[in-house]
């Protein structure tokens, strides 16, 4: 039946790969609340191989992608080679892998993205799980910026317990990848008085414990980072994504 649908001139005109590209792009975009751009491109030669679900390559480029938890990604690029899909599922608007696959990835976060992320309820709630000297913490007005030496600067106003005045922390650090799955703040320097320094040290230890990619991976995926770098007021991650199956978008 599927073969019959594509046995005419439309398949010969390579509408099959465009259809798969459109559905794949929509399936990935559905994982996000909003996307400024979400474009997928299927590479297959000859196109008739699609009938068996065989694809030579798959590229995806997304820009301005807002996650449902409020985090924003400036650019997300995925590049896959030689994957096998259930072609029939495309007609139901789904992408089903016949076997796990791997993708090279590039993720870009802007300076403003990071500042916004640190002020979202999703991140603030995780930060405020830290119990500091048996007291709760309240974060506000957190800002992230990049230095000329590729460092990351984190500034925030933190109220400790029922204190009337917040403690202003000022932390500068380098980012380092450990075990391909942990992003860590290293070579850290702290500004402010003794109270601000002690609080800053506790926060960095807490944040380093949180930044495990396995805690943030989407359903059916595994993320690994080979390197990260700060350039042009952006934080860029290069790595690998293992995909067992395409995660389901929000309904």
Protein backbone atom coordinates (compact mmCIF):
# COMPACT_ATOMS: atom_id res chain seq x y z
CA UNK A 1 0.00 0.00 0.00
CA UNK A 2 2.77 2.42 0.92
CA UNK A 3 4.67 1.48 -2.22
CA UNK A 4 1.57 2.16 -4.29
CA UNK A 5 1.20 5.63 -2.80
CA UNK A 6 4.68 6.52 -3.98
CA UNK A 7 4.84 4.56 -7.20
CA UNK A 8 3.74 7.50 -9.34
CA UNK A 9 5.38 10.71 -10.40
CA UNK A 10 5.08 12.33 -6.94
CA UNK A 11 7.60 9.92 -5.47
CA UNK A 12 9.85 10.22 -8.46
CA UNK A 13 9.70 13.97 -7.86
CA UNK A 14 11.17 13.27 -4.45
CA UNK A 15 8.09 14.28 -2.45
CA UNK A 16 8.85 11.33 -0.17
CA UNK A 17 11.97 12.83 1.35
CA UNK A 18 10.26 16.22 1.70
CA UNK A 19 7.39 14.55 3.55
CA UNK A 20 9.75 12.79 5.95
CA UNK A 21 11.71 16.01 6.46
CA UNK A 22 8.54 17.92 7.29
CA UNK A 23 7.26 15.31 9.75
CA UNK A 24 10.66 14.91 11.43
CA UNK A 25 11.04 18.66 11.83
CA UNK A 26 7.54 18.95 13.28
CA UNK A 27 8.18 16.04 15.68
CA UNK A 28 11.27 17.73 17.11
CA UNK A 29 9.61 21.16 17.22
CA UNK A 30 6.74 19.62 19.21
CA UNK A 31 9.18 19.00 22.06
CA UNK A 32 9.39 22.76 22.52
CA UNK A 33 6.81 25.33 23.53
CA UNK A 34 7.86 27.66 20.75
CA UNK A 35 10.46 27.74 17.98
CA UNK A 36 11.52 30.60 15.75
CA UNK A 37 12.83 28.09 13.23
CA UNK A 38 12.75 24.30 13.09
CA UNK A 39 13.98 22.77 9.85
CA UNK A 40 14.85 19.17 9.11
CA UNK A 41 16.49 17.84 5.98
CA UNK A 42 16.53 14.17 4.99
CA UNK A 43 19.27 12.88 2.72
CA UNK A 44 18.55 9.68 0.80
CA UNK A 45 19.75 8.39 -2.57
CA UNK A 46 17.97 6.86 -4.35
CA UNK A 47 14.77 8.20 -2.83
CA UNK A 48 13.11 4.79 -3.28
CA UNK A 49 15.10 3.55 -0.26
CA UNK A 50 12.58 5.43 1.89
CA UNK A 51 10.11 2.64 1.23
CA UNK A 52 12.30 0.39 3.37
CA UNK A 53 12.77 3.20 5.89
CA UNK A 54 16.45 3.61 5.03
CA UNK A 55 17.89 7.14 5.31
CA UNK A 56 21.46 8.17 4.46
CA UNK A 57 21.48 11.20 6.73
CA UNK A 58 19.32 13.57 8.71
CA UNK A 59 20.10 17.18 9.64
CA UNK A 60 18.08 19.39 11.98
CA UNK A 61 18.60 23.07 12.71
CA UNK A 62 16.45 24.87 15.25
CA UNK A 63 16.68 28.50 16.35
CA UNK A 64 15.05 30.39 19.20
CA UNK A 65 13.67 27.22 20.78
CA UNK A 66 11.80 27.75 24.04
CA UNK A 67 11.42 24.66 26.23
CA UNK A 68 8.31 24.03 28.30
CA UNK A 69 10.31 24.56 31.51
CA UNK A 70 11.15 28.11 30.37
CA UNK A 71 14.73 27.47 29.24
CA UNK A 72 15.64 28.85 25.83
CA UNK A 73 18.15 27.56 23.28
CA UNK A 74 19.51 30.02 20.74
CA UNK A 75 20.60 27.31 18.28
CA UNK A 76 20.32 23.51 18.26
CA UNK A 77 21.90 21.48 15.48
CA UNK A 78 21.67 17.69 15.10
CA UNK A 79 23.45 15.66 12.43
CA UNK A 80 22.67 11.96 12.03
CA UNK A 81 24.03 9.37 9.63
CA UNK A 82 22.47 6.14 8.33
CA UNK A 83 19.29 5.65 10.32
CA UNK A 84 16.33 3.35 9.86
CA UNK A 85 12.73 4.43 10.47
CA UNK A 86 9.26 2.95 10.25
CA UNK A 87 8.17 4.69 7.07
CA UNK A 88 4.51 3.84 7.57
CA UNK A 89 4.44 5.82 10.84
CA UNK A 90 5.21 9.00 8.88
CA UNK A 91 1.63 9.03 7.62
CA UNK A 92 0.45 9.28 11.23
CA UNK A 93 2.79 12.24 11.77
CA UNK A 94 5.23 10.17 13.85
CA UNK A 95 8.91 9.34 13.65
CA UNK A 96 9.63 5.83 14.87
CA UNK A 97 13.17 4.48 14.87
CA UNK A 98 13.70 0.83 14.07
CA UNK A 99 16.94 0.88 16.04
CA UNK A 100 18.76 3.37 18.29
CA UNK A 101 20.84 6.00 16.54
CA UNK A 102 23.43 8.65 17.34
CA UNK A 103 23.69 12.30 16.42
CA UNK A 104 26.43 14.87 16.52
CA UNK A 105 25.09 18.00 18.16
CA UNK A 106 25.88 21.67 18.61
CA UNK A 107 23.99 23.72 21.19
CA UNK A 108 24.27 27.49 21.54
CA UNK A 109 23.07 29.47 24.56
CA UNK A 110 23.21 33.25 24.50
CA UNK A 111 24.13 35.42 27.46
CA UNK A 112 20.52 36.60 27.73
CA UNK A 113 19.28 32.98 27.50
CA UNK A 114 21.38 32.04 30.52
CA UNK A 115 20.25 35.05 32.54
CA UNK A 116 16.61 34.28 31.76
CA UNK A 117 17.13 30.60 32.57
CA UNK A 118 18.58 31.33 36.00
CA UNK A 119 15.45 33.36 36.80
CA UNK A 120 12.87 30.80 35.64
CA UNK A 121 10.83 28.96 38.30
CA UNK A 122 12.31 25.70 36.97
CA UNK A 123 15.91 26.69 37.80
CA UNK A 124 15.13 28.83 40.86
CA UNK A 125 13.32 25.90 42.47
CA UNK A 126 16.37 23.70 41.98
CA UNK A 127 18.71 26.36 43.36
CA UNK A 128 16.51 26.88 46.41
CA UNK A 129 16.73 23.21 47.31
CA UNK A 130 20.04 24.12 48.92
CA UNK A 131 19.67 24.29 52.69
CA UNK A 132 22.31 26.74 53.84
CA UNK A 133 23.17 26.71 57.56
CA UNK A 134 19.74 25.15 58.22
CA UNK A 135 18.04 28.06 56.47
CA UNK A 136 16.21 28.40 53.18
CA UNK A 137 17.41 30.62 50.35
CA UNK A 138 15.52 32.99 48.09
CA UNK A 139 17.18 33.97 44.79
CA UNK A 140 16.36 37.10 42.82
CA UNK A 141 17.84 39.35 40.12
CA UNK A 142 20.34 36.73 38.95
CA UNK A 143 22.53 37.80 36.03
CA UNK A 144 24.96 35.83 33.89
CA UNK A 145 27.66 37.47 31.78
CA UNK A 146 30.83 36.46 29.94
CA UNK A 147 34.31 37.87 30.45
CA UNK A 148 36.99 38.63 27.89
CA UNK A 149 38.96 35.66 29.26
CA UNK A 150 36.06 33.30 28.38
CA UNK A 151 34.97 33.21 32.02
CA UNK A 152 31.39 33.17 33.24
CA UNK A 153 30.25 35.66 35.86
CA UNK A 154 27.24 34.90 38.07
CA UNK A 155 25.70 37.65 40.18
CA UNK A 156 22.63 37.30 42.36
CA UNK A 157 20.82 38.70 45.38
CA UNK A 158 20.04 35.94 47.88
CA UNK A 159 17.95 36.25 50.99
CA UNK A 160 19.01 33.78 53.69
CA UNK A 161 16.11 32.64 55.86
CA UNK A 162 14.16 35.60 57.29
CA UNK A 163 17.01 38.09 56.90
CA UNK A 164 15.87 41.54 55.89
CA UNK A 165 18.71 42.34 53.49
CA UNK A 166 19.83 40.00 50.70
CA UNK A 167 23.42 38.88 50.31
CA UNK A 168 24.91 39.97 46.99
CA UNK A 169 27.11 37.25 45.55
CA UNK A 170 29.55 37.80 42.69
CA UNK A 171 31.16 34.65 41.27
CA UNK A 172 33.53 34.30 38.32
CA UNK A 173 34.57 30.89 36.98
CA UNK A 174 35.60 28.84 33.99
CA UNK A 175 33.48 25.99 32.65
CA UNK A 176 34.87 22.49 32.35
CA UNK A 177 33.40 19.23 31.05
CA UNK A 178 33.93 16.15 33.20
CA UNK A 179 33.12 12.56 32.22
CA UNK A 180 31.39 13.97 29.11
CA UNK A 181 28.18 14.47 31.07
CA UNK A 182 28.98 16.95 33.84
CA UNK A 183 29.38 20.68 33.34
CA UNK A 184 31.42 22.11 36.20
CA UNK A 185 32.38 25.58 37.41
CA UNK A 186 36.13 25.51 38.10
CA UNK A 187 38.87 28.05 38.92
CA UNK A 188 36.25 29.96 40.86
CA UNK A 189 36.82 33.38 42.40
CA UNK A 190 34.41 35.08 44.79
CA UNK A 191 33.68 38.76 45.38
CA UNK A 192 32.13 40.43 48.39
CA UNK A 193 32.56 40.04 52.12
CA UNK A 194 33.09 36.83 54.09
CA UNK A 195 29.37 36.06 54.19
CA UNK A 196 29.07 36.46 50.42
CA UNK A 197 32.14 34.28 49.81
CA UNK A 198 30.91 31.46 52.07
CA UNK A 199 27.46 31.55 50.53
CA UNK A 200 28.97 31.62 47.04
CA UNK A 201 31.06 28.52 47.76
CA UNK A 202 27.99 26.62 48.96
CA UNK A 203 26.05 27.66 45.84
CA UNK A 204 28.82 26.60 43.42
CA UNK A 205 29.03 23.19 45.10
CA UNK A 206 25.25 22.87 44.77
CA UNK A 207 25.18 24.02 41.13
CA UNK A 208 28.02 21.67 40.16
CA UNK A 209 26.01 18.80 41.60
CA UNK A 210 22.97 19.84 39.56
CA UNK A 211 24.74 20.15 36.20
CA UNK A 212 24.57 16.49 35.27
CA UNK A 213 23.21 16.11 31.74
CA UNK A 214 21.48 12.85 32.62
CA UNK A 215 19.13 14.92 34.81
CA UNK A 216 18.07 17.09 31.86
CA UNK A 217 17.92 14.65 28.93
CA UNK A 218 14.60 14.21 27.19
CA UNK A 219 12.82 10.87 27.32
CA UNK A 220 14.58 8.29 25.16
CA UNK A 221 17.75 10.34 24.77
CA UNK A 222 21.22 10.50 26.28
CA UNK A 223 23.46 13.56 26.03
CA UNK A 224 27.24 13.73 26.14
CA UNK A 225 29.40 16.85 25.75
CA UNK A 226 32.94 16.72 24.37
CA UNK A 227 33.77 20.38 24.84
CA UNK A 228 32.26 23.77 25.57
CA UNK A 229 33.52 27.23 24.75
CA UNK A 230 32.56 30.85 25.26
CA UNK A 231 32.64 32.97 22.12
CA UNK A 232 30.85 36.11 20.92
CA UNK A 233 28.77 36.34 24.11
CA UNK A 234 27.52 32.81 23.56
CA UNK A 235 28.13 29.50 25.29
CA UNK A 236 28.57 26.71 22.74
CA UNK A 237 28.44 22.98 23.47
CA UNK A 238 29.70 20.32 21.08
CA UNK A 239 28.82 16.71 21.71
CA UNK A 240 26.76 13.67 20.98
CA UNK A 241 23.17 12.57 21.48
CA UNK A 242 22.09 8.94 21.70
CA UNK A 243 18.46 8.50 20.66
CA UNK A 244 16.57 5.30 21.50
CA UNK A 245 13.26 6.73 20.36
CA UNK A 246 11.84 10.12 19.58
CA UNK A 247 10.40 11.68 22.74
CA UNK A 248 6.72 12.55 22.66
CA UNK A 249 5.81 16.20 22.49
CA UNK A 250 3.50 17.93 24.93
CA UNK A 251 -0.15 17.31 24.27
